[in-house]
Amino acid sequence: MSAADVAVCGLGRMGTALAEALAEAGTAPVTWNRTPGPGAAASPAEAARGARIVVLVLFDAAASHDVLAQVREGAAPGTLVVNCATVAPGESRALADEAEAGGLRYVEAPLIGSVPKVREGGLRVLAGGAPEDVAEAERVLRVWSRTGELRRTGPVGSATALKLVANLGLGLAAAGLREALAYGAALGVPRADVIATLAAGHLAPFVVAKGERLAREEYGHADFTVAALAKDLRLVASQTPGLPVAHAAAGLLAR
């Protein structure tokens, strides 16, 4: 890939880390963000102009549709759009149809892992789309998952489905942890004892990873925000009836 081969649209914490990882690997991407920054393109259309791969790192389906519409204005026919947003499978298929209607190709590539994993190259990447398109997308996806996992999941919709399954499990664990900490506090149990007990049980991987922050009650600058996780749980609950715990957890995390 040459420096002009790739564009990254969306420079939140994750998008910035992904762009920086590409630059460190020898492919400095053209970038765009809603909040203008030095050296960034003025619009998604400008960022996409001349790129062979355009990566979208956005919050939700609405943002993805908005930016994709602008990418279509500048991208050449056959440009590959790689969408890393967590959206519903049906939403991803609609985005793929929108890309195809504009003469573009589309791969969904939701990411499992946080900013530190990007820096380590240890993300788990789920890639859904036509086999030949996923193969081309792997040129960038492997930069982020060289010590992690890159899994081809099947057609568009399959990767986003698995990502929501993963985030449902994460969200329920986070909600359960919050309730356990609150219950321990209500009983007057020292917080350190509650954390140590949870770290020895079924929530061990989650609690151990967050143990120091939990002990200090430090919740700022999170690798993955509660707002984003609550959004994903609301998405799960809205798409699938009969999941009352997902509904409850989404409400709890949104408080």
C-alpha atoms as a PDB file:
ATOM      1  CA  MET A   1       0.000   0.000   0.000  1.00  0.00           C
ATOM      2  CA  SER A   2       1.187   3.491  -0.743  1.00  0.00           C
ATOM      3  CA  ALA A   3       0.563   6.377   1.635  1.00  0.00           C
ATOM      4  CA  ALA A   4      -2.391   7.548  -0.448  1.00  0.00           C
ATOM      5  CA  ASP A   5      -3.969   4.087  -0.666  1.00  0.00           C
ATOM      6  CA  VAL A   6      -5.930   4.296   2.574  1.00  0.00           C
ATOM      7  CA  ALA A   7      -8.242   6.828   4.192  1.00  0.00           C
ATOM      8  CA  VAL A   8      -9.547   6.689   7.761  1.00  0.00           C
ATOM      9  CA  CYS A   9     -12.763   8.567   8.518  1.00  0.00           C
ATOM     10  CA  GLY A  10     -13.481   9.090  12.212  1.00  0.00           C
ATOM     11  CA  LEU A  11     -10.719  10.081  14.623  1.00  0.00           C
ATOM     12  CA  GLY A  12     -12.083   9.284  18.035  1.00  0.00           C
ATOM     13  CA  ARG A  13      -9.753   7.405  20.367  1.00  0.00           C
ATOM     14  CA  MET A  14     -10.087   4.178  18.388  1.00  0.00           C
ATOM     15  CA  GLY A  15      -9.911   5.784  14.948  1.00  0.00           C
ATOM     16  CA  THR A  16      -6.829   7.762  15.934  1.00  0.00           C
ATOM     17  CA  ALA A  17      -5.125   4.623  17.245  1.00  0.00           C
ATOM     18  CA  LEU A  18      -5.960   2.689  14.068  1.00  0.00           C
ATOM     19  CA  ALA A  19      -4.614   5.485  11.856  1.00  0.00           C
ATOM     20  CA  GLU A  20      -1.442   5.753  13.933  1.00  0.00           C
ATOM     21  CA  ALA A  21      -0.889   1.995  13.708  1.00  0.00           C
ATOM     22  CA  LEU A  22      -1.166   2.139   9.926  1.00  0.00           C
ATOM     23  CA  ALA A  23       1.305   5.024   9.808  1.00  0.00           C
ATOM     24  CA  GLU A  24       3.768   3.109  11.989  1.00  0.00           C
ATOM     25  CA  ALA A  25       3.412   0.143   9.631  1.00  0.00           C
ATOM     26  CA  GLY A  26       4.421   2.342   6.693  1.00  0.00           C
ATOM     27  CA  THR A  27       1.017   3.442   5.407  1.00  0.00           C
ATOM     28  CA  ALA A  28       0.228   6.968   6.572  1.00  0.00           C
ATOM     29  CA  PRO A  29      -3.489   7.269   5.774  1.00  0.00           C
ATOM     30  CA  VAL A  30      -5.406  10.305   4.682  1.00  0.00           C
ATOM     31  CA  THR A  31      -7.712  11.148   7.595  1.00  0.00           C
ATOM     32  CA  TRP A  32     -10.961  12.992   8.209  1.00  0.00           C
ATOM     33  CA  ASN A  33     -12.842  13.876  11.375  1.00  0.00           C
ATOM     34  CA  ARG A  34     -15.944  15.927  12.146  1.00  0.00           C
ATOM     35  CA  THR A  35     -13.772  18.126  14.325  1.00  0.00           C
ATOM     36  CA  PRO A  36     -11.169  19.530  11.906  1.00  0.00           C
ATOM     37  CA  GLY A  37      -7.556  18.844  12.737  1.00  0.00           C
ATOM     38  CA  PRO A  38      -4.167  19.708  11.242  1.00  0.00           C
ATOM     39  CA  GLY A  39      -3.408  17.772   8.090  1.00  0.00           C
ATOM     40  CA  ALA A  40      -6.862  16.196   7.892  1.00  0.00           C
ATOM     41  CA  ALA A  41      -9.020  16.240   4.782  1.00  0.00           C
ATOM     42  CA  ALA A  42     -11.810  18.802   4.679  1.00  0.00           C
ATOM     43  CA  SER A  43     -14.514  16.196   4.013  1.00  0.00           C
ATOM     44  CA  PRO A  44     -15.020  12.438   3.665  1.00  0.00           C
ATOM     45  CA  ALA A  45     -15.243  12.962  -0.093  1.00  0.00           C
ATOM     46  CA  GLU A  46     -11.821  14.593  -0.133  1.00  0.00           C
ATOM     47  CA  ALA A  47     -10.366  11.859   2.085  1.00  0.00           C
ATOM     48  CA  ALA A  48     -11.725   9.150  -0.221  1.00  0.00           C
ATOM     49  CA  ARG A  49     -10.455  10.754  -3.410  1.00  0.00           C
ATOM     50  CA  GLY A  50      -7.645   8.549  -4.696  1.00  0.00           C
ATOM     51  CA  ALA A  51      -7.925   5.979  -1.889  1.00  0.00           C
ATOM     52  CA  ARG A  52      -8.337   2.291  -2.659  1.00  0.00           C
ATOM     53  CA  ILE A  53      -9.549   1.501   0.862  1.00  0.00           C
ATOM     54  CA  VAL A  54     -11.669   3.820   3.026  1.00  0.00           C
ATOM     55  CA  VAL A  55     -11.985   2.809   6.681  1.00  0.00           C
ATOM     56  CA  LEU A  56     -14.977   4.086   8.672  1.00  0.00           C
ATOM     57  CA  VAL A  57     -14.518   4.231  12.459  1.00  0.00           C
ATOM     58  CA  LEU A  58     -17.784   5.771  13.605  1.00  0.00           C
ATOM     59  CA  PHE A  59     -20.205   5.513  16.523  1.00  0.00           C
ATOM     60  CA  ASP A  60     -23.285   3.986  14.939  1.00  0.00           C
ATOM     61  CA  ALA A  61     -25.277   3.241  11.794  1.00  0.00           C
ATOM     62  CA  ALA A  62     -26.581   6.800  11.431  1.00  0.00           C
ATOM     63  CA  ALA A  63     -23.052   8.201  11.386  1.00  0.00           C
ATOM     64  CA  SER A  64     -21.978   5.432   8.999  1.00  0.00           C
ATOM     65  CA  HIS A  65     -24.759   6.262   6.526  1.00  0.00           C
ATOM     66  CA  ASP A  66     -23.966   9.972   6.701  1.00  0.00           C
ATOM     67  CA  VAL A  67     -20.243   9.565   6.099  1.00  0.00           C
ATOM     68  CA  LEU A  68     -20.670   6.828   3.488  1.00  0.00           C
ATOM     69  CA  ALA A  69     -22.914   9.135   1.456  1.00  0.00           C
ATOM     70  CA  GLN A  70     -20.109  11.695   1.428  1.00  0.00           C
ATOM     71  CA  VAL A  71     -17.448   9.083   0.662  1.00  0.00           C
ATOM     72  CA  ARG A  72     -19.462   8.108  -2.416  1.00  0.00           C
ATOM     73  CA  GLU A  73     -19.093  11.670  -3.708  1.00  0.00           C
ATOM     74  CA  GLY A  74     -15.306  11.417  -3.886  1.00  0.00           C
ATOM     75  CA  ALA A  75     -14.410   7.741  -4.152  1.00  0.00           C
ATOM     76  CA  ALA A  76     -13.560   6.124  -7.461  1.00  0.00           C
ATOM     77  CA  PRO A  77     -15.643   3.168  -8.647  1.00  0.00           C
ATOM     78  CA  GLY A  78     -14.477  -0.054  -7.023  1.00  0.00           C
ATOM     79  CA  THR A  79     -13.125   1.622  -3.888  1.00  0.00           C
ATOM     80  CA  LEU A  80     -13.374  -0.699  -0.888  1.00  0.00           C
ATOM     81  CA  VAL A  81     -15.203   0.624   2.176  1.00  0.00           C
ATOM     82  CA  VAL A  82     -14.243  -1.108   5.440  1.00  0.00           C
ATOM     83  CA  ASN A  83     -16.711  -0.292   8.199  1.00  0.00           C
ATOM     84  CA  CYS A  84     -15.494  -0.899  11.760  1.00  0.00           C
ATOM     85  CA  ALA A  85     -18.641   0.445  13.442  1.00  0.00           C
ATOM     86  CA  THR A  86     -20.756  -1.821  15.630  1.00  0.00           C
ATOM     87  CA  VAL A  87     -24.165  -1.867  13.948  1.00  0.00           C
ATOM     88  CA  ALA A  88     -26.997  -4.366  13.587  1.00  0.00           C
ATOM     89  CA  PRO A  89     -26.622  -7.009  10.852  1.00  0.00           C
ATOM     90  CA  GLY A  90     -29.533  -5.546   8.897  1.00  0.00           C
ATOM     91  CA  GLU A  91     -28.023  -2.082   9.157  1.00  0.00           C
ATOM     92  CA  SER A  92     -24.724  -3.391   7.846  1.00  0.00           C
ATOM     93  CA  ARG A  93     -26.433  -5.028   4.880  1.00  0.00           C
ATOM     94  CA  ALA A  94     -28.198  -1.729   4.139  1.00  0.00           C
ATOM     95  CA  LEU A  95     -24.835   0.057   4.215  1.00  0.00           C
ATOM     96  CA  ALA A  96     -23.412  -2.560   1.852  1.00  0.00           C
ATOM     97  CA  ASP A  97     -26.325  -1.959  -0.534  1.00  0.00           C
ATOM     98  CA  GLU A  98     -25.721   1.783  -0.326  1.00  0.00           C
ATOM     99  CA  ALA A  99     -22.041   1.320  -1.110  1.00  0.00           C
ATOM    100  CA  GLU A 100     -22.818  -0.992  -4.031  1.00  0.00           C
ATOM    101  CA  ALA A 101     -25.351   1.492  -5.418  1.00  0.00           C
ATOM    102  CA  GLY A 102     -22.528   4.021  -5.546  1.00  0.00           C
ATOM    103  CA  GLY A 103     -20.194   1.640  -7.356  1.00  0.00           C
ATOM    104  CA  LEU A 104     -18.192   0.813  -4.223  1.00  0.00           C
ATOM    105  CA  ARG A 105     -17.419  -2.444  -2.409  1.00  0.00           C
ATOM    106  CA  TYR A 106     -18.083  -3.057   1.281  1.00  0.00           C
ATOM    107  CA  VAL A 107     -16.626  -5.126   4.109  1.00  0.00           C
ATOM    108  CA  GLU A 108     -17.805  -4.999   7.704  1.00  0.00           C
ATOM    109  CA  ALA A 109     -14.957  -5.321  10.184  1.00  0.00           C
ATOM    110  CA  PRO A 110     -16.092  -4.776  13.786  1.00  0.00           C
ATOM    111  CA  LEU A 111     -13.262  -4.841  16.294  1.00  0.00           C
ATOM    112  CA  ILE A 112     -13.014  -6.687  19.594  1.00  0.00           C
ATOM    113  CA  GLY A 113     -10.492  -4.994  21.852  1.00  0.00           C
ATOM    114  CA  SER A 114      -9.569  -1.503  22.942  1.00  0.00           C
ATOM    115  CA  VAL A 115      -6.974   1.152  22.186  1.00  0.00           C
ATOM    116  CA  PRO A 116      -4.089  -0.610  23.997  1.00  0.00           C
ATOM    117  CA  LYS A 117      -4.751  -3.712  21.882  1.00  0.00           C
ATOM    118  CA  VAL A 118      -4.470  -1.612  18.717  1.00  0.00           C
ATOM    119  CA  ARG A 119      -1.026  -0.454  19.806  1.00  0.00           C
ATOM    120  CA  GLU A 120      -0.002  -4.065  20.444  1.00  0.00           C
ATOM    121  CA  GLY A 121      -1.492  -5.271  17.166  1.00  0.00           C
ATOM    122  CA  GLY A 122      -3.618  -7.567  19.296  1.00  0.00           C
ATOM    123  CA  LEU A 123      -7.170  -6.790  18.200  1.00  0.00           C
ATOM    124  CA  ARG A 124      -9.626  -9.520  17.321  1.00  0.00           C
ATOM    125  CA  VAL A 125     -11.123  -8.495  13.987  1.00  0.00           C
ATOM    126  CA  LEU A 126     -14.286 -10.026  12.558  1.00  0.00           C
ATOM    127  CA  ALA A 127     -14.538  -9.562   8.793  1.00  0.00           C
ATOM    128  CA  GLY A 128     -17.695 -10.119   6.761  1.00  0.00           C
ATOM    129  CA  GLY A 129     -18.138  -9.641   3.045  1.00  0.00           C
ATOM    130  CA  ALA A 130     -17.317 -11.114  -0.340  1.00  0.00           C
ATOM    131  CA  PRO A 131     -14.184 -13.300  -0.038  1.00  0.00           C
ATOM    132  CA  GLU A 132     -12.204 -11.249  -2.552  1.00  0.00           C
ATOM    133  CA  ASP A 133     -13.106  -8.008  -0.777  1.00  0.00           C
ATOM    134  CA  VAL A 134     -12.184  -9.380   2.644  1.00  0.00           C
ATOM    135  CA  ALA A 135      -8.871 -10.570   1.184  1.00  0.00           C
ATOM    136  CA  GLU A 136      -8.095  -7.031   0.054  1.00  0.00           C
ATOM    137  CA  ALA A 137      -9.225  -5.542   3.374  1.00  0.00           C
ATOM    138  CA  GLU A 138      -6.834  -7.861   5.201  1.00  0.00           C
ATOM    139  CA  ARG A 139      -3.968  -5.647   4.094  1.00  0.00           C
ATOM    140  CA  VAL A 140      -5.051  -3.136   6.723  1.00  0.00           C
ATOM    141  CA  LEU A 141      -6.874  -5.457   9.122  1.00  0.00           C
ATOM    142  CA  ARG A 142      -3.757  -7.547   9.721  1.00  0.00           C
ATOM    143  CA  VAL A 143      -1.850  -4.466  10.880  1.00  0.00           C
ATOM    144  CA  TRP A 144      -4.265  -4.251  13.812  1.00  0.00           C
ATOM    145  CA  SER A 145      -4.508  -7.995  14.497  1.00  0.00           C
ATOM    146  CA  ARG A 146      -1.002  -9.296  13.834  1.00  0.00           C
ATOM    147  CA  THR A 147      -0.774 -10.790  17.352  1.00  0.00           C
ATOM    148  CA  GLY A 148      -4.536 -11.110  17.802  1.00  0.00           C
ATOM    149  CA  GLU A 149      -7.047 -12.780  15.516  1.00  0.00           C
ATOM    150  CA  LEU A 150      -8.514 -12.028  12.108  1.00  0.00           C
ATOM    151  CA  ARG A 151     -11.582 -14.150  11.452  1.00  0.00           C
ATOM    152  CA  ARG A 152     -13.471 -14.358   8.182  1.00  0.00           C
ATOM    153  CA  THR A 153     -17.064 -14.831   9.283  1.00  0.00           C
ATOM    154  CA  GLY A 154     -18.970 -15.074   5.999  1.00  0.00           C
ATOM    155  CA  PRO A 155     -21.231 -12.587   4.196  1.00  0.00           C
ATOM    156  CA  VAL A 156     -22.038  -9.061   5.319  1.00  0.00           C
ATOM    157  CA  GLY A 157     -24.088  -9.269   8.504  1.00  0.00           C
ATOM    158  CA  SER A 158     -22.246 -12.253   9.971  1.00  0.00           C
ATOM    159  CA  ALA A 159     -19.419 -10.254  11.568  1.00  0.00           C
ATOM    160  CA  THR A 160     -21.695  -7.632  13.099  1.00  0.00           C
ATOM    161  CA  ALA A 161     -23.886 -10.409  14.505  1.00  0.00           C
ATOM    162  CA  LEU A 162     -20.911 -11.961  16.284  1.00  0.00           C
ATOM    163  CA  LYS A 163     -19.728  -8.568  17.535  1.00  0.00           C
ATOM    164  CA  LEU A 164     -23.107  -7.912  19.138  1.00  0.00           C
ATOM    165  CA  VAL A 165     -23.053 -11.376  20.717  1.00  0.00           C
ATOM    166  CA  ALA A 166     -19.645 -10.532  22.205  1.00  0.00           C
ATOM    167  CA  ASN A 167     -20.759  -7.120  23.433  1.00  0.00           C
ATOM    168  CA  LEU A 168     -23.935  -8.546  24.942  1.00  0.00           C
ATOM    169  CA  GLY A 169     -21.795 -10.838  27.082  1.00  0.00           C
ATOM    170  CA  LEU A 170     -19.491  -7.953  27.984  1.00  0.00           C
ATOM    171  CA  GLY A 171     -22.411  -5.684  28.820  1.00  0.00           C
ATOM    172  CA  LEU A 172     -24.071  -8.221  31.091  1.00  0.00           C
ATOM    173  CA  ALA A 173     -20.755  -8.771  32.885  1.00  0.00           C
ATOM    174  CA  ALA A 174     -20.282  -5.014  33.313  1.00  0.00           C
ATOM    175  CA  ALA A 175     -23.818  -4.582  34.647  1.00  0.00           C
ATOM    176  CA  GLY A 176     -23.363  -7.516  37.024  1.00  0.00           C
ATOM    177  CA  LEU A 177     -20.082  -6.079  38.274  1.00  0.00           C
ATOM    178  CA  ARG A 178     -21.700  -2.726  38.921  1.00  0.00           C
ATOM    179  CA  GLU A 179     -24.508  -4.352  40.908  1.00  0.00           C
ATOM    180  CA  ALA A 180     -22.085  -6.531  42.888  1.00  0.00           C
ATOM    181  CA  LEU A 181     -19.987  -3.518  43.872  1.00  0.00           C
ATOM    182  CA  ALA A 182     -23.104  -1.588  44.878  1.00  0.00           C
ATOM    183  CA  TYR A 183     -24.421  -4.535  46.906  1.00  0.00           C
ATOM    184  CA  GLY A 184     -21.111  -4.948  48.702  1.00  0.00           C
ATOM    185  CA  ALA A 185     -21.077  -1.250  49.554  1.00  0.00           C
ATOM    186  CA  ALA A 186     -24.654  -1.429  50.849  1.00  0.00           C
ATOM    187  CA  LEU A 187     -23.638  -4.278  53.160  1.00  0.00           C
ATOM    188  CA  GLY A 188     -20.626  -2.346  54.403  1.00  0.00           C
ATOM    189  CA  VAL A 189     -18.090  -4.772  52.924  1.00  0.00           C
ATOM    190  CA  PRO A 190     -14.745  -3.082  52.156  1.00  0.00           C
ATOM    191  CA  ARG A 191     -14.448  -2.412  48.434  1.00  0.00           C
ATOM    192  CA  ALA A 192     -11.059  -4.142  48.250  1.00  0.00           C
ATOM    193  CA  ASP A 193     -12.580  -7.326  49.682  1.00  0.00           C
ATOM    194  CA  VAL A 194     -15.441  -7.234  47.176  1.00  0.00           C
ATOM    195  CA  ILE A 195     -13.010  -6.827  44.271  1.00  0.00           C
ATOM    196  CA  ALA A 196     -10.729  -9.611  45.539  1.00  0.00           C
ATOM    197  CA  THR A 197     -13.675 -11.983  45.905  1.00  0.00           C
ATOM    198  CA  LEU A 198     -15.002 -11.215  42.431  1.00  0.00           C
ATOM    199  CA  ALA A 199     -11.491 -11.588  40.985  1.00  0.00           C
ATOM    200  CA  ALA A 200     -11.432 -15.177  42.246  1.00  0.00           C
ATOM    201  CA  GLY A 201     -14.782 -16.057  40.671  1.00  0.00           C
ATOM    202  CA  HIS A 202     -16.440 -16.271  37.274  1.00  0.00           C
ATOM    203  CA  LEU A 203     -15.882 -12.585  36.529  1.00  0.00           C
ATOM    204  CA  ALA A 204     -12.144 -12.998  37.110  1.00  0.00           C
ATOM    205  CA  PRO A 205     -10.811 -11.984  33.647  1.00  0.00           C
ATOM    206  CA  PHE A 206     -12.965  -8.859  33.584  1.00  0.00           C
ATOM    207  CA  VAL A 207     -12.289  -7.849  37.191  1.00  0.00           C
ATOM    208  CA  VAL A 208      -8.549  -8.535  37.039  1.00  0.00           C
ATOM    209  CA  ALA A 209      -8.208  -6.421  33.890  1.00  0.00           C
ATOM    210  CA  LYS A 210     -10.009  -3.494  35.530  1.00  0.00           C
ATOM    211  CA  GLY A 211      -8.984  -4.140  39.142  1.00  0.00           C
ATOM    212  CA  GLU A 212      -6.747  -1.126  39.715  1.00  0.00           C
ATOM    213  CA  ARG A 213      -9.266   1.295  38.233  1.00  0.00           C
ATOM    214  CA  LEU A 214     -12.083  -0.269  40.227  1.00  0.00           C
ATOM    215  CA  ALA A 215     -10.095   0.012  43.443  1.00  0.00           C
ATOM    216  CA  ARG A 216      -9.419   3.703  42.792  1.00  0.00           C
ATOM    217  CA  GLU A 217     -12.961   4.258  41.473  1.00  0.00           C
ATOM    218  CA  GLU A 218     -11.320   5.757  38.402  1.00  0.00           C
ATOM    219  CA  TYR A 219     -13.731   5.753  35.502  1.00  0.00           C
ATOM    220  CA  GLY A 220     -12.416   8.499  33.233  1.00  0.00           C
ATOM    221  CA  HIS A 221     -10.436   7.877  30.028  1.00  0.00           C
ATOM    222  CA  ALA A 222     -11.891   4.388  29.648  1.00  0.00           C
ATOM    223  CA  ASP A 223     -10.656   2.181  26.816  1.00  0.00           C
ATOM    224  CA  PHE A 224     -14.290   1.442  25.899  1.00  0.00           C
ATOM    225  CA  THR A 225     -16.917   3.830  27.195  1.00  0.00           C
ATOM    226  CA  VAL A 226     -20.051   2.796  29.057  1.00  0.00           C
ATOM    227  CA  ALA A 227     -22.038   4.961  26.636  1.00  0.00           C
ATOM    228  CA  ALA A 228     -20.823   2.897  23.684  1.00  0.00           C
ATOM    229  CA  LEU A 229     -21.540  -0.374  25.489  1.00  0.00           C
ATOM    230  CA  ALA A 230     -25.018   0.804  26.502  1.00  0.00           C
ATOM    231  CA  LYS A 231     -25.659   1.770  22.867  1.00  0.00           C
ATOM    232  CA  ASP A 232     -24.782  -1.747  21.751  1.00  0.00           C
ATOM    233  CA  LEU A 233     -27.033  -3.330  24.390  1.00  0.00           C
ATOM    234  CA  ARG A 234     -29.925  -1.105  23.318  1.00  0.00           C
ATOM    235  CA  LEU A 235     -29.264  -2.225  19.766  1.00  0.00           C
ATOM    236  CA  VAL A 236     -29.379  -5.894  20.795  1.00  0.00           C
ATOM    237  CA  ALA A 237     -32.560  -5.390  22.805  1.00  0.00           C
ATOM    238  CA  SER A 238     -34.301  -3.470  20.025  1.00  0.00           C
ATOM    239  CA  GLN A 239     -33.439  -6.077  17.400  1.00  0.00           C
ATOM    240  CA  THR A 240     -34.363  -9.179  19.372  1.00  0.00           C
ATOM    241  CA  PRO A 241     -37.524  -9.585  21.471  1.00  0.00           C
ATOM    242  CA  GLY A 242     -37.405 -11.808  24.519  1.00  0.00           C
ATOM    243  CA  LEU A 243     -34.132 -10.521  25.986  1.00  0.00           C
ATOM    244  CA  PRO A 244     -35.293  -8.808  29.193  1.00  0.00           C
ATOM    245  CA  VAL A 245     -31.862  -8.945  30.810  1.00  0.00           C
ATOM    246  CA  ALA A 246     -30.323  -7.080  27.870  1.00  0.00           C
ATOM    247  CA  HIS A 247     -33.022  -4.396  28.237  1.00  0.00           C
ATOM    248  CA  ALA A 248     -32.339  -4.103  31.967  1.00  0.00           C
ATOM    249  CA  ALA A 249     -28.557  -4.009  31.549  1.00  0.00           C
ATOM    250  CA  ALA A 250     -28.799  -1.309  28.879  1.00  0.00           C
ATOM    251  CA  GLY A 251     -30.838   0.830  31.248  1.00  0.00           C
ATOM    252  CA  LEU A 252     -28.469   0.213  34.141  1.00  0.00           C
ATOM    253  CA  LEU A 253     -25.346   1.111  32.168  1.00  0.00           C
ATOM    254  CA  ALA A 254     -26.992   4.225  30.735  1.00  0.00           C
ATOM    255  CA  ARG A 255     -27.517   5.737  34.207  1.00  0.00           C
END
